[in-house]
Amino acid sequence: MAAKPTGTKPSEESDLSLCPEWQAEQVDRLLGFEILTRALSACYQPVSPERLGDKLGVGKGFSNRIIVDIKRRYSYGK
């Protein structure tokens, strides 16, 4: 990829990181990587919501939304 000239502002249309779909994919990828690295290193201690949010680039309420979503998806039949 060619370097961009300095002193120019990238247009919002060409900045992929501003796309909400792209951001959601990256959060999923980073969460998967965090789970994988903790499992491979046998680190099973809980991570605080603030620390997880910092690692994933999301708010501290994100971990609670994950838990609620998992419960909702897998509570069928109860």
Protein backbone atom coordinates (compact mmCIF):
# COMPACT_ATOMS: atom_id res chain seq x y z
CA MET A 1 0.00 0.00 0.00
CA ALA A 2 1.38 3.40 -0.95
CA ALA A 3 2.11 5.95 1.73
CA LYS A 4 -0.23 8.92 2.01
CA PRO A 5 1.19 12.41 1.84
CA THR A 6 1.70 14.04 5.21
CA GLY A 7 -0.44 16.96 6.21
CA THR A 8 -3.58 15.65 4.55
CA LYS A 9 -6.69 14.49 6.35
CA PRO A 10 -8.09 11.13 5.25
CA SER A 11 -11.67 11.40 4.12
CA GLU A 12 -14.22 9.73 6.35
CA GLU A 13 -15.46 7.71 3.39
CA SER A 14 -12.09 6.03 2.93
CA ASP A 15 -11.39 5.49 6.64
CA LEU A 16 -12.42 1.90 7.30
CA SER A 17 -11.99 2.29 11.06
CA LEU A 18 -15.03 4.60 11.18
CA CYS A 19 -17.34 1.90 9.79
CA PRO A 20 -19.52 0.42 12.61
CA GLU A 21 -19.58 -3.03 10.96
CA TRP A 22 -15.79 -3.09 10.75
CA GLN A 23 -15.50 -2.00 14.39
CA ALA A 24 -17.87 -4.79 15.51
CA GLU A 25 -15.82 -7.37 13.59
CA GLN A 26 -12.61 -6.15 15.22
CA VAL A 27 -14.13 -6.31 18.72
CA ASP A 28 -15.19 -9.91 18.03
CA ARG A 29 -11.72 -10.73 16.74
CA LEU A 30 -9.99 -9.11 19.72
CA LEU A 31 -12.31 -10.85 22.19
CA GLY A 32 -11.60 -14.19 20.53
CA PHE A 33 -7.86 -13.52 20.69
CA GLU A 34 -8.09 -12.58 24.38
CA ILE A 35 -9.98 -15.79 25.17
CA LEU A 36 -7.52 -17.88 23.14
CA THR A 37 -4.40 -16.40 24.75
CA ARG A 38 -5.85 -16.76 28.26
CA ALA A 39 -6.82 -20.39 27.58
CA LEU A 40 -3.43 -21.27 26.07
CA SER A 41 -1.61 -19.73 29.03
CA ALA A 42 -4.02 -21.40 31.52
CA CYS A 43 -4.94 -17.99 32.93
CA TYR A 44 -8.48 -18.55 34.18
CA GLN A 45 -8.78 -15.65 36.60
CA PRO A 46 -11.55 -13.19 35.80
CA VAL A 47 -10.74 -9.97 33.98
CA SER A 48 -12.28 -6.79 35.32
CA PRO A 49 -14.82 -5.14 33.01
CA GLU A 50 -12.65 -2.01 32.84
CA ARG A 51 -9.54 -3.96 31.79
CA LEU A 52 -11.44 -6.00 29.20
CA GLY A 53 -12.99 -2.83 27.83
CA ASP A 54 -9.56 -1.22 27.53
CA LYS A 55 -8.14 -4.24 25.71
CA LEU A 56 -11.05 -4.38 23.25
CA GLY A 57 -11.60 -0.67 22.84
CA VAL A 58 -15.16 -0.75 24.17
CA GLY A 59 -16.95 0.51 27.27
CA LYS A 60 -16.82 -1.30 30.60
CA GLY A 61 -20.44 -2.43 30.15
CA PHE A 62 -19.46 -4.60 27.18
CA SER A 63 -18.68 -7.67 29.29
CA ASN A 64 -22.15 -7.51 30.86
CA ARG A 65 -23.75 -7.28 27.39
CA ILE A 66 -21.82 -10.40 26.35
CA ILE A 67 -23.07 -12.34 29.38
CA VAL A 68 -26.68 -11.21 28.85
CA ASP A 69 -26.47 -12.14 25.16
CA ILE A 70 -25.06 -15.60 25.93
CA LYS A 71 -27.77 -16.23 28.53
CA ARG A 72 -30.47 -15.12 26.09
CA ARG A 73 -29.13 -17.25 23.23
CA TYR A 74 -28.69 -20.42 25.29
CA SER A 75 -31.62 -20.22 27.70
CA TYR A 76 -34.13 -21.66 25.24
CA GLY A 77 -36.11 -24.59 26.55
CA LYS A 78 -35.82 -23.53 30.19
